[in-house]
Each structure stands twice: as structure tokens, then as C-alpha cells.
Amino acid sequence: MTTLIPPTRPPGAGHGYISDKDRYLARLKRIEGQARGIHRMIHEDTYCIDILTQISAVNAALENVALGLLDDHLKHCVVGAINDGQEADAKLKEASAAIARLVKS
């Protein structure tokens, strides 16, 4: 397994998602609540299909967060690296690997 080394950033440089950080955190908090709801549903012997429906909703919500982060990464980190004269191929390879992991999940 190949491990990519995260790029070094100058002090104070933010990640691409930094402008939407509060929105991401709020969405993840809602997803946590949904996951706790699934736990409660199983504890209360809720009908299987209803639980599966909620699991699908959590998966979709996580996928939306992941796609937003990926979009932010491409627009900020990849474009920034290219504009700063850094190696574009490495950034694109890193993004492609992230996409492949998302597609597999």
C-alpha cells in the first residue's frame, strides 16, 4: 500500500474546506444524530426496512460531505499547487486515489 505524504503548508494556510468548515461540522453533527437514531431503532426492534432506509440516508449524507470536500480540494489545493508551480501530477494522482476510494465505498 502506498502512502502519500501530505503536502507541507506555510503557517496560516488553510485547507480548501476552511470557508465552509462550520457547515461541514453542522452536517456531520446531524449525521451523528442519524447514526444514533439507527442505534435506537435497532435497540427498539424497529422493522428492518425502516432501518435500512435510515442507513441509506446516512450513507447519502456522508457521500455528499465527501463530494463537497473533494470539490473543495480540487478547487483550492490542486489549483493552488498548480498556480504555485508545484507538481500538478502528484496532486492529480492524490485526487484520483481519493476518488477511487470513494467509488469503492
PDB file of N, CA and C in Angstrom:
ATOM      1  N   MET A   1       0.847  -1.168   0.000  1.00  0.00           N
ATOM      2  CA  MET A   1       0.000   0.000   0.000  1.00  0.00           C
ATOM      3  C   MET A   1       0.891   1.229   0.000  1.00  0.00           C
ATOM      4  N   THR A   2       0.576   2.176  -0.884  1.00  0.00           N
ATOM      5  CA  THR A   2       1.341   3.403  -0.985  1.00  0.00           C
ATOM      6  C   THR A   2       0.718   4.467  -0.109  1.00  0.00           C
ATOM      7  N   THR A   3       1.549   5.135   0.650  1.00  0.00           N
ATOM      8  CA  THR A   3       1.068   6.216   1.493  1.00  0.00           C
ATOM      9  C   THR A   3       1.567   7.526   0.911  1.00  0.00           C
ATOM     10  N   LEU A   4       0.638   8.422   0.632  1.00  0.00           N
ATOM     11  CA  LEU A   4       1.016   9.726   0.131  1.00  0.00           C
ATOM     12  C   LEU A   4       1.332  10.629   1.314  1.00  0.00           C
ATOM     13  N   ILE A   5       2.398  11.362   1.195  1.00  0.00           N
ATOM     14  CA  ILE A   5       2.781  12.290   2.250  1.00  0.00           C
ATOM     15  C   ILE A   5       2.013  13.581   2.023  1.00  0.00           C
ATOM     16  N   PRO A   6       1.309  14.056   3.052  1.00  0.00           N
ATOM     17  CA  PRO A   6       0.557  15.293   2.872  1.00  0.00           C
ATOM     18  C   PRO A   6       1.490  16.447   2.551  1.00  0.00           C
ATOM     19  N   PRO A   7       1.016  17.356   1.719  1.00  0.00           N
ATOM     20  CA  PRO A   7       1.875  18.486   1.374  1.00  0.00           C
ATOM     21  C   PRO A   7       2.110  19.366   2.587  1.00  0.00           C
ATOM     22  N   THR A   8       3.266  19.990   2.611  1.00  0.00           N
ATOM     23  CA  THR A   8       3.522  20.934   3.686  1.00  0.00           C
ATOM     24  C   THR A   8       2.891  22.256   3.298  1.00  0.00           C
ATOM     25  N   ARG A   9       2.381  22.943   4.287  1.00  0.00           N
ATOM     26  CA  ARG A   9       1.711  24.214   4.036  1.00  0.00           C
ATOM     27  C   ARG A   9       2.405  25.284   4.867  1.00  0.00           C
ATOM     28  N   PRO A  10       2.456  26.473   4.305  1.00  0.00           N
ATOM     29  CA  PRO A  10       3.021  27.567   5.110  1.00  0.00           C
ATOM     30  C   PRO A  10       2.117  27.846   6.300  1.00  0.00           C
ATOM     31  N   PRO A  11       2.677  28.351   7.393  1.00  0.00           N
ATOM     32  CA  PRO A  11       1.851  28.656   8.564  1.00  0.00           C
ATOM     33  C   PRO A  11       0.705  29.588   8.188  1.00  0.00           C
ATOM     34  N   GLY A  12      -0.496  29.271   8.695  1.00  0.00           N
ATOM     35  CA  GLY A  12      -1.665  30.098   8.431  1.00  0.00           C
ATOM     36  C   GLY A  12      -2.424  29.721   7.177  1.00  0.00           C
ATOM     37  N   ALA A  13      -1.855  28.862   6.334  1.00  0.00           N
ATOM     38  CA  ALA A  13      -2.559  28.448   5.119  1.00  0.00           C
ATOM     39  C   ALA A  13      -3.636  27.449   5.497  1.00  0.00           C
ATOM     40  N   GLY A  14      -4.816  27.640   4.979  1.00  0.00           N
ATOM     41  CA  GLY A  14      -5.920  26.761   5.313  1.00  0.00           C
ATOM     42  C   GLY A  14      -6.167  25.721   4.251  1.00  0.00           C
ATOM     43  N   HIS A  15      -7.009  24.787   4.604  1.00  0.00           N
ATOM     44  CA  HIS A  15      -7.435  23.771   3.643  1.00  0.00           C
ATOM     45  C   HIS A  15      -8.571  24.344   2.811  1.00  0.00           C
ATOM     46  N   GLY A  16      -8.911  23.675   1.726  1.00  0.00           N
ATOM     47  CA  GLY A  16      -9.949  24.163   0.827  1.00  0.00           C
ATOM     48  C   GLY A  16     -11.314  24.275   1.475  1.00  0.00           C
ATOM     49  N   TYR A  17     -11.581  23.473   2.476  1.00  0.00           N
ATOM     50  CA  TYR A  17     -12.902  23.468   3.104  1.00  0.00           C
ATOM     51  C   TYR A  17     -13.047  24.518   4.199  1.00  0.00           C
ATOM     52  N   ILE A  18     -11.995  25.271   4.492  1.00  0.00           N
ATOM     53  CA  ILE A  18     -11.987  26.148   5.661  1.00  0.00           C
ATOM     54  C   ILE A  18     -13.123  27.171   5.633  1.00  0.00           C
ATOM     55  N   SER A  19     -13.499  27.660   4.465  1.00  0.00           N
ATOM     56  CA  SER A  19     -14.573  28.655   4.406  1.00  0.00           C
ATOM     57  C   SER A  19     -15.936  28.029   4.706  1.00  0.00           C
ATOM     58  N   ASP A  20     -16.063  26.719   4.542  1.00  0.00           N
ATOM     59  CA  ASP A  20     -17.315  26.010   4.813  1.00  0.00           C
ATOM     60  C   ASP A  20     -17.212  25.102   6.033  1.00  0.00           C
ATOM     61  N   LYS A  21     -16.199  25.300   6.847  1.00  0.00           N
ATOM     62  CA  LYS A  21     -15.945  24.408   7.977  1.00  0.00           C
ATOM     63  C   LYS A  21     -17.156  24.289   8.900  1.00  0.00           C
ATOM     64  N   ASP A  22     -17.778  25.405   9.241  1.00  0.00           N
ATOM     65  CA  ASP A  22     -18.940  25.361  10.130  1.00  0.00           C
ATOM     66  C   ASP A  22     -20.086  24.571   9.513  1.00  0.00           C
ATOM     67  N   ARG A  23     -20.275  24.722   8.212  1.00  0.00           N
ATOM     68  CA  ARG A  23     -21.337  23.982   7.523  1.00  0.00           C
ATOM     69  C   ARG A  23     -21.039  22.483   7.544  1.00  0.00           C
ATOM     70  N   TYR A  24     -19.784  22.117   7.296  1.00  0.00           N
ATOM     71  CA  TYR A  24     -19.414  20.697   7.343  1.00  0.00           C
ATOM     72  C   TYR A  24     -19.604  20.128   8.747  1.00  0.00           C
ATOM     73  N   LEU A  25     -19.173  20.875   9.747  1.00  0.00           N
ATOM     74  CA  LEU A  25     -19.312  20.392  11.120  1.00  0.00           C
ATOM     75  C   LEU A  25     -20.780  20.233  11.510  1.00  0.00           C
ATOM     76  N   ALA A  26     -21.625  21.167  11.094  1.00  0.00           N
ATOM     77  CA  ALA A  26     -23.056  21.065  11.394  1.00  0.00           C
ATOM     78  C   ALA A  26     -23.660  19.848  10.697  1.00  0.00           C
ATOM     79  N   ARG A  27     -23.254  19.621   9.453  1.00  0.00           N
ATOM     80  CA  ARG A  27     -23.785  18.461   8.714  1.00  0.00           C
ATOM     81  C   ARG A  27     -23.332  17.166   9.368  1.00  0.00           C
ATOM     82  N   LEU A  28     -22.077  17.100   9.786  1.00  0.00           N
ATOM     83  CA  LEU A  28     -21.577  15.890  10.441  1.00  0.00           C
ATOM     84  C   LEU A  28     -22.269  15.661  11.785  1.00  0.00           C
ATOM     85  N   LYS A  29     -22.614  16.727  12.465  1.00  0.00           N
ATOM     86  CA  LYS A  29     -23.341  16.589  13.728  1.00  0.00           C
ATOM     87  C   LYS A  29     -24.729  15.980  13.471  1.00  0.00           C
ATOM     88  N   ARG A  30     -25.377  16.408  12.390  1.00  0.00           N
ATOM     89  CA  ARG A  30     -26.677  15.817  12.033  1.00  0.00           C
ATOM     90  C   ARG A  30     -26.523  14.340  11.666  1.00  0.00           C
ATOM     91  N   ILE A  31     -25.447  14.029  10.970  1.00  0.00           N
ATOM     92  CA  ILE A  31     -25.197  12.629  10.598  1.00  0.00           C
ATOM     93  C   ILE A  31     -24.974  11.790  11.854  1.00  0.00           C
ATOM     94  N   GLU A  32     -24.242  12.336  12.822  1.00  0.00           N
ATOM     95  CA  GLU A  32     -24.067  11.634  14.104  1.00  0.00           C
ATOM     96  C   GLU A  32     -25.415  11.331  14.742  1.00  0.00           C
ATOM     97  N   GLY A  33     -26.303  12.305  14.698  1.00  0.00           N
ATOM     98  CA  GLY A  33     -27.644  12.105  15.255  1.00  0.00           C
ATOM     99  C   GLY A  33     -28.400  11.018  14.514  1.00  0.00           C
ATOM    100  N   GLN A  34     -28.247  10.998  13.206  1.00  0.00           N
ATOM    101  CA  GLN A  34     -28.897   9.947  12.416  1.00  0.00           C
ATOM    102  C   GLN A  34     -28.344   8.572  12.801  1.00  0.00           C
ATOM    103  N   ALA A  35     -27.037   8.488  12.995  1.00  0.00           N
ATOM    104  CA  ALA A  35     -26.425   7.206  13.373  1.00  0.00           C
ATOM    105  C   ALA A  35     -26.920   6.758  14.746  1.00  0.00           C
ATOM    106  N   ARG A  36     -27.032   7.705  15.680  1.00  0.00           N
ATOM    107  CA  ARG A  36     -27.587   7.357  16.994  1.00  0.00           C
ATOM    108  C   ARG A  36     -29.044   6.903  16.857  1.00  0.00           C
ATOM    109  N   GLY A  37     -29.773   7.520  15.931  1.00  0.00           N
ATOM    110  CA  GLY A  37     -31.153   7.114  15.682  1.00  0.00           C
ATOM    111  C   GLY A  37     -31.238   5.685  15.173  1.00  0.00           C
ATOM    112  N   ILE A  38     -30.303   5.300  14.329  1.00  0.00           N
ATOM    113  CA  ILE A  38     -30.265   3.918  13.834  1.00  0.00           C
ATOM    114  C   ILE A  38     -29.989   2.969  14.994  1.00  0.00           C
ATOM    115  N   HIS A  39     -29.074   3.341  15.854  1.00  0.00           N
ATOM    116  CA  HIS A  39     -28.785   2.530  17.036  1.00  0.00           C
ATOM    117  C   HIS A  39     -30.046   2.336  17.866  1.00  0.00           C
ATOM    118  N   ARG A  40     -30.761   3.431  18.071  1.00  0.00           N
ATOM    119  CA  ARG A  40     -32.000   3.377  18.848  1.00  0.00           C
ATOM    120  C   ARG A  40     -33.050   2.504  18.147  1.00  0.00           C
ATOM    121  N   MET A  41     -33.131   2.616  16.832  1.00  0.00           N
ATOM    122  CA  MET A  41     -34.101   1.818  16.075  1.00  0.00           C
ATOM    123  C   MET A  41     -33.838   0.319  16.268  1.00  0.00           C
ATOM    124  N   ILE A  42     -32.581  -0.063  16.219  1.00  0.00           N
ATOM    125  CA  ILE A  42     -32.242  -1.473  16.406  1.00  0.00           C
ATOM    126  C   ILE A  42     -32.547  -1.885  17.839  1.00  0.00           C
ATOM    127  N   HIS A  43     -32.197  -1.034  18.776  1.00  0.00           N
ATOM    128  CA  HIS A  43     -32.479  -1.331  20.184  1.00  0.00           C
ATOM    129  C   HIS A  43     -33.973  -1.531  20.409  1.00  0.00           C
ATOM    130  N   GLU A  44     -34.790  -0.755  19.697  1.00  0.00           N
ATOM    131  CA  GLU A  44     -36.246  -0.822  19.862  1.00  0.00           C
ATOM    132  C   GLU A  44     -36.910  -1.827  18.914  1.00  0.00           C
ATOM    133  N   ASP A  45     -36.107  -2.647  18.242  1.00  0.00           N
ATOM    134  CA  ASP A  45     -36.625  -3.686  17.344  1.00  0.00           C
ATOM    135  C   ASP A  45     -37.490  -3.123  16.215  1.00  0.00           C
ATOM    136  N   THR A  46     -37.033  -2.035  15.624  1.00  0.00           N
ATOM    137  CA  THR A  46     -37.740  -1.409  14.507  1.00  0.00           C
ATOM    138  C   THR A  46     -37.664  -2.324  13.282  1.00  0.00           C
ATOM    139  N   TYR A  47     -38.649  -2.218  12.425  1.00  0.00           N
ATOM    140  CA  TYR A  47     -38.740  -3.010  11.193  1.00  0.00           C
ATOM    141  C   TYR A  47     -37.474  -2.833  10.348  1.00  0.00           C
ATOM    142  N   CYS A  48     -36.948  -3.932   9.831  1.00  0.00           N
ATOM    143  CA  CYS A  48     -35.666  -3.963   9.106  1.00  0.00           C
ATOM    144  C   CYS A  48     -35.598  -2.938   7.973  1.00  0.00           C
ATOM    145  N   ILE A  49     -36.633  -2.866   7.173  1.00  0.00           N
ATOM    146  CA  ILE A  49     -36.617  -1.975   6.011  1.00  0.00           C
ATOM    147  C   ILE A  49     -36.517  -0.513   6.448  1.00  0.00           C
ATOM    148  N   ASP A  50     -37.160  -0.173   7.552  1.00  0.00           N
ATOM    149  CA  ASP A  50     -37.069   1.194   8.058  1.00  0.00           C
ATOM    150  C   ASP A  50     -35.639   1.522   8.491  1.00  0.00           C
ATOM    151  N   ILE A  51     -34.974   0.561   9.085  1.00  0.00           N
ATOM    152  CA  ILE A  51     -33.572   0.762   9.492  1.00  0.00           C
ATOM    153  C   ILE A  51     -32.690   0.902   8.260  1.00  0.00           C
ATOM    154  N   LEU A  52     -32.903   0.046   7.277  1.00  0.00           N
ATOM    155  CA  LEU A  52     -32.112   0.118   6.045  1.00  0.00           C
ATOM    156  C   LEU A  52     -32.319   1.449   5.326  1.00  0.00           C
ATOM    157  N   THR A  53     -33.527   1.971   5.379  1.00  0.00           N
ATOM    158  CA  THR A  53     -33.811   3.278   4.774  1.00  0.00           C
ATOM    159  C   THR A  53     -32.989   4.365   5.458  1.00  0.00           C
ATOM    160  N   GLN A  54     -32.907   4.308   6.781  1.00  0.00           N
ATOM    161  CA  GLN A  54     -32.121   5.295   7.518  1.00  0.00           C
ATOM    162  C   GLN A  54     -30.626   5.139   7.247  1.00  0.00           C
ATOM    163  N   ILE A  55     -30.173   3.906   7.105  1.00  0.00           N
ATOM    164  CA  ILE A  55     -28.760   3.673   6.771  1.00  0.00           C
ATOM    165  C   ILE A  55     -28.450   4.264   5.404  1.00  0.00           C
ATOM    166  N   SER A  56     -29.351   4.101   4.452  1.00  0.00           N
ATOM    167  CA  SER A  56     -29.167   4.691   3.123  1.00  0.00           C
ATOM    168  C   SER A  56     -29.081   6.209   3.206  1.00  0.00           C
ATOM    169  N   ALA A  57     -29.900   6.799   4.076  1.00  0.00           N
ATOM    170  CA  ALA A  57     -29.875   8.254   4.240  1.00  0.00           C
ATOM    171  C   ALA A  57     -28.542   8.722   4.816  1.00  0.00           C
ATOM    172  N   VAL A  58     -28.010   7.988   5.780  1.00  0.00           N
ATOM    173  CA  VAL A  58     -26.711   8.341   6.368  1.00  0.00           C
ATOM    174  C   VAL A  58     -25.608   8.192   5.318  1.00  0.00           C
ATOM    175  N   ASN A  59     -25.647   7.113   4.565  1.00  0.00           N
ATOM    176  CA  ASN A  59     -24.643   6.915   3.508  1.00  0.00           C
ATOM    177  C   ASN A  59     -24.685   8.056   2.499  1.00  0.00           C
ATOM    178  N   ALA A  60     -25.896   8.445   2.088  1.00  0.00           N
ATOM    179  CA  ALA A  60     -26.030   9.538   1.119  1.00  0.00           C
ATOM    180  C   ALA A  60     -25.497  10.843   1.706  1.00  0.00           C
ATOM    181  N   ALA A  61     -25.794  11.093   2.971  1.00  0.00           N
ATOM    182  CA  ALA A  61     -25.312  12.319   3.618  1.00  0.00           C
ATOM    183  C   ALA A  61     -23.784  12.338   3.683  1.00  0.00           C
ATOM    184  N   LEU A  62     -23.181  11.213   4.033  1.00  0.00           N
ATOM    185  CA  LEU A  62     -21.714  11.135   4.076  1.00  0.00           C
ATOM    186  C   LEU A  62     -21.108  11.300   2.684  1.00  0.00           C
ATOM    187  N   GLU A  63     -21.754  10.723   1.681  1.00  0.00           N
ATOM    188  CA  GLU A  63     -21.264  10.885   0.310  1.00  0.00           C
ATOM    189  C   GLU A  63     -21.303  12.351  -0.108  1.00  0.00           C
ATOM    190  N   ASN A  64     -22.363  13.063   0.282  1.00  0.00           N
ATOM    191  CA  ASN A  64     -22.444  14.485  -0.050  1.00  0.00           C
ATOM    192  C   ASN A  64     -21.336  15.281   0.628  1.00  0.00           C
ATOM    193  N   VAL A  65     -21.031  14.957   1.870  1.00  0.00           N
ATOM    194  CA  VAL A  65     -19.927  15.618   2.562  1.00  0.00           C
ATOM    195  C   VAL A  65     -18.617  15.312   1.827  1.00  0.00           C
ATOM    196  N   ALA A  66     -18.420  14.061   1.477  1.00  0.00           N
ATOM    197  CA  ALA A  66     -17.190  13.663   0.788  1.00  0.00           C
ATOM    198  C   ALA A  66     -17.054  14.366  -0.558  1.00  0.00           C
ATOM    199  N   LEU A  67     -18.132  14.453  -1.308  1.00  0.00           N
ATOM    200  CA  LEU A  67     -18.077  15.120  -2.611  1.00  0.00           C
ATOM    201  C   LEU A  67     -17.796  16.614  -2.449  1.00  0.00           C
ATOM    202  N   GLY A  68     -18.360  17.224  -1.424  1.00  0.00           N
ATOM    203  CA  GLY A  68     -18.077  18.630  -1.168  1.00  0.00           C
ATOM    204  C   GLY A  68     -16.614  18.846  -0.821  1.00  0.00           C
ATOM    205  N   LEU A  69     -16.070  17.974   0.027  1.00  0.00           N
ATOM    206  CA  LEU A  69     -14.658  18.079   0.387  1.00  0.00           C
ATOM    207  C   LEU A  69     -13.762  17.846  -0.826  1.00  0.00           C
ATOM    208  N   LEU A  70     -14.138  16.895  -1.661  1.00  0.00           N
ATOM    209  CA  LEU A  70     -13.361  16.628  -2.875  1.00  0.00           C
ATOM    210  C   LEU A  70     -13.378  17.839  -3.799  1.00  0.00           C
ATOM    211  N   ASP A  71     -14.549  18.433  -3.971  1.00  0.00           N
ATOM    212  CA  ASP A  71     -14.674  19.620  -4.806  1.00  0.00           C
ATOM    213  C   ASP A  71     -13.812  20.755  -4.246  1.00  0.00           C
ATOM    214  N   ASP A  72     -13.878  20.954  -2.923  1.00  0.00           N
ATOM    215  CA  ASP A  72     -13.053  21.984  -2.289  1.00  0.00           C
ATOM    216  C   ASP A  72     -11.567  21.693  -2.500  1.00  0.00           C
ATOM    217  N   HIS A  73     -11.196  20.414  -2.394  1.00  0.00           N
ATOM    218  CA  HIS A  73      -9.791  20.035  -2.574  1.00  0.00           C
ATOM    219  C   HIS A  73      -9.327  20.370  -3.993  1.00  0.00           C
ATOM    220  N   LEU A  74     -10.149  20.020  -4.966  1.00  0.00           N
ATOM    221  CA  LEU A  74      -9.759  20.287  -6.350  1.00  0.00           C
ATOM    222  C   LEU A  74      -9.646  21.789  -6.615  1.00  0.00           C
ATOM    223  N   LYS A  75     -10.615  22.548  -6.124  1.00  0.00           N
ATOM    224  CA  LYS A  75     -10.637  23.990  -6.391  1.00  0.00           C
ATOM    225  C   LYS A  75      -9.562  24.751  -5.618  1.00  0.00           C
ATOM    226  N   HIS A  76      -9.227  24.271  -4.435  1.00  0.00           N
ATOM    227  CA  HIS A  76      -8.280  25.010  -3.599  1.00  0.00           C
ATOM    228  C   HIS A  76      -6.883  24.405  -3.640  1.00  0.00           C
ATOM    229  N   CYS A  77      -6.789  23.159  -3.218  1.00  0.00           N
ATOM    230  CA  CYS A  77      -5.470  22.537  -3.054  1.00  0.00           C
ATOM    231  C   CYS A  77      -4.804  22.213  -4.388  1.00  0.00           C
ATOM    232  N   VAL A  78      -5.551  21.595  -5.304  1.00  0.00           N
ATOM    233  CA  VAL A  78      -4.959  21.215  -6.588  1.00  0.00           C
ATOM    234  C   VAL A  78      -4.663  22.453  -7.417  1.00  0.00           C
ATOM    235  N   VAL A  79      -5.643  23.332  -7.546  1.00  0.00           N
ATOM    236  CA  VAL A  79      -5.426  24.553  -8.329  1.00  0.00           C
ATOM    237  C   VAL A  79      -4.334  25.409  -7.685  1.00  0.00           C
ATOM    238  N   GLY A  80      -4.338  25.488  -6.354  1.00  0.00           N
ATOM    239  CA  GLY A  80      -3.304  26.251  -5.663  1.00  0.00           C
ATOM    240  C   GLY A  80      -1.914  25.703  -5.914  1.00  0.00           C
ATOM    241  N   ALA A  81      -1.790  24.394  -5.900  1.00  0.00           N
ATOM    242  CA  ALA A  81      -0.483  23.773  -6.156  1.00  0.00           C
ATOM    243  C   ALA A  81      -0.011  24.073  -7.574  1.00  0.00           C
ATOM    244  N   ILE A  82      -0.935  24.000  -8.508  1.00  0.00           N
ATOM    245  CA  ILE A  82      -0.576  24.284  -9.898  1.00  0.00           C
ATOM    246  C   ILE A  82      -0.162  25.745 -10.038  1.00  0.00           C
ATOM    247  N   ASN A  83      -0.933  26.649  -9.437  1.00  0.00           N
ATOM    248  CA  ASN A  83      -0.623  28.083  -9.520  1.00  0.00           C
ATOM    249  C   ASN A  83       0.690  28.431  -8.828  1.00  0.00           C
ATOM    250  N   ASP A  84       1.040  27.672  -7.796  1.00  0.00           N
ATOM    251  CA  ASP A  84       2.292  27.914  -7.077  1.00  0.00           C
ATOM    252  C   ASP A  84       3.481  27.235  -7.738  1.00  0.00           C
ATOM    253  N   GLY A  85       3.240  26.578  -8.871  1.00  0.00           N
ATOM    254  CA  GLY A  85       4.315  25.927  -9.592  1.00  0.00           C
ATOM    255  C   GLY A  85       4.716  24.585  -9.019  1.00  0.00           C
ATOM    256  N   GLN A  86       3.880  24.019  -8.159  1.00  0.00           N
ATOM    257  CA  GLN A  86       4.182  22.701  -7.613  1.00  0.00           C
ATOM    258  C   GLN A  86       3.826  21.631  -8.648  1.00  0.00           C
ATOM    259  N   GLU A  87       4.195  20.419  -8.359  1.00  0.00           N
ATOM    260  CA  GLU A  87       3.975  19.297  -9.262  1.00  0.00           C
ATOM    261  C   GLU A  87       2.482  18.973  -9.365  1.00  0.00           C
ATOM    262  N   ALA A  88       1.888  19.275 -10.492  1.00  0.00           N
ATOM    263  CA  ALA A  88       0.462  19.042 -10.710  1.00  0.00           C
ATOM    264  C   ALA A  88       0.148  17.551 -10.755  1.00  0.00           C
ATOM    265  N   ASP A  89       1.043  16.752 -11.331  1.00  0.00           N
ATOM    266  CA  ASP A  89       0.783  15.312 -11.459  1.00  0.00           C
ATOM    267  C   ASP A  89       0.576  14.648 -10.101  1.00  0.00           C
ATOM    268  N   ALA A  90       1.362  15.036  -9.114  1.00  0.00           N
ATOM    269  CA  ALA A  90       1.234  14.436  -7.781  1.00  0.00           C
ATOM    270  C   ALA A  90      -0.111  14.797  -7.160  1.00  0.00           C
ATOM    271  N   LYS A  91      -0.541  16.041  -7.306  1.00  0.00           N
ATOM    272  CA  LYS A  91      -1.825  16.472  -6.759  1.00  0.00           C
ATOM    273  C   LYS A  91      -2.986  15.770  -7.461  1.00  0.00           C
ATOM    274  N   LEU A  92      -2.892  15.623  -8.762  1.00  0.00           N
ATOM    275  CA  LEU A  92      -3.946  14.943  -9.512  1.00  0.00           C
ATOM    276  C   LEU A  92      -3.987  13.456  -9.169  1.00  0.00           C
ATOM    277  N   LYS A  93      -2.827  12.853  -8.978  1.00  0.00           N
ATOM    278  CA  LYS A  93      -2.768  11.451  -8.586  1.00  0.00           C
ATOM    279  C   LYS A  93      -3.402  11.252  -7.214  1.00  0.00           C
ATOM    280  N   GLU A  94      -3.115  12.164  -6.289  1.00  0.00           N
ATOM    281  CA  GLU A  94      -3.689  12.125  -4.953  1.00  0.00           C
ATOM    282  C   GLU A  94      -5.219  12.239  -5.018  1.00  0.00           C
ATOM    283  N   ALA A  95      -5.712  13.167  -5.840  1.00  0.00           N
ATOM    284  CA  ALA A  95      -7.166  13.343  -6.001  1.00  0.00           C
ATOM    285  C   ALA A  95      -7.790  12.112  -6.644  1.00  0.00           C
ATOM    286  N   SER A  96      -7.137  11.539  -7.626  1.00  0.00           N
ATOM    287  CA  SER A  96      -7.658  10.326  -8.276  1.00  0.00           C
ATOM    288  C   SER A  96      -7.740   9.167  -7.298  1.00  0.00           C
ATOM    289  N   ALA A  97      -6.752   9.045  -6.431  1.00  0.00           N
ATOM    290  CA  ALA A  97      -6.775   7.978  -5.422  1.00  0.00           C
ATOM    291  C   ALA A  97      -7.940   8.182  -4.450  1.00  0.00           C
ATOM    292  N   ALA A  98      -8.192   9.427  -4.072  1.00  0.00           N
ATOM    293  CA  ALA A  98      -9.314   9.722  -3.183  1.00  0.00           C
ATOM    294  C   ALA A  98     -10.632   9.379  -3.860  1.00  0.00           C
ATOM    295  N   ILE A  99     -10.755   9.725  -5.137  1.00  0.00           N
ATOM    296  CA  ILE A  99     -11.964   9.388  -5.885  1.00  0.00           C
ATOM    297  C   ILE A  99     -12.158   7.882  -5.951  1.00  0.00           C
ATOM    298  N   ALA A 100     -11.077   7.163  -6.200  1.00  0.00           N
ATOM    299  CA  ALA A 100     -11.160   5.684  -6.269  1.00  0.00           C
ATOM    300  C   ALA A 100     -11.635   5.108  -4.949  1.00  0.00           C
ATOM    301  N   ARG A 101     -11.147   5.652  -3.825  1.00  0.00           N
ATOM    302  CA  ARG A 101     -11.600   5.163  -2.517  1.00  0.00           C
ATOM    303  C   ARG A 101     -13.084   5.459  -2.316  1.00  0.00           C
ATOM    304  N   LEU A 102     -13.532   6.619  -2.747  1.00  0.00           N
ATOM    305  CA  LEU A 102     -14.951   6.964  -2.611  1.00  0.00           C
ATOM    306  C   LEU A 102     -15.830   6.057  -3.454  1.00  0.00           C
ATOM    307  N   VAL A 103     -15.379   5.756  -4.649  1.00  0.00           N
ATOM    308  CA  VAL A 103     -16.165   4.907  -5.549  1.00  0.00           C
ATOM    309  C   VAL A 103     -16.276   3.486  -5.000  1.00  0.00           C
ATOM    310  N   LYS A 104     -15.218   3.004  -4.354  1.00  0.00           N
ATOM    311  CA  LYS A 104     -15.217   1.644  -3.792  1.00  0.00           C
ATOM    312  C   LYS A 104     -16.126   1.515  -2.576  1.00  0.00           C
ATOM    313  N   SER A 105     -16.336   2.611  -1.873  1.00  0.00           N
ATOM    314  CA  SER A 105     -17.114   2.519  -0.634  1.00  0.00           C
ATOM    315  C   SER A 105     -18.609   2.519  -0.869  1.00  0.00           C
TER     316      SER A 105
END
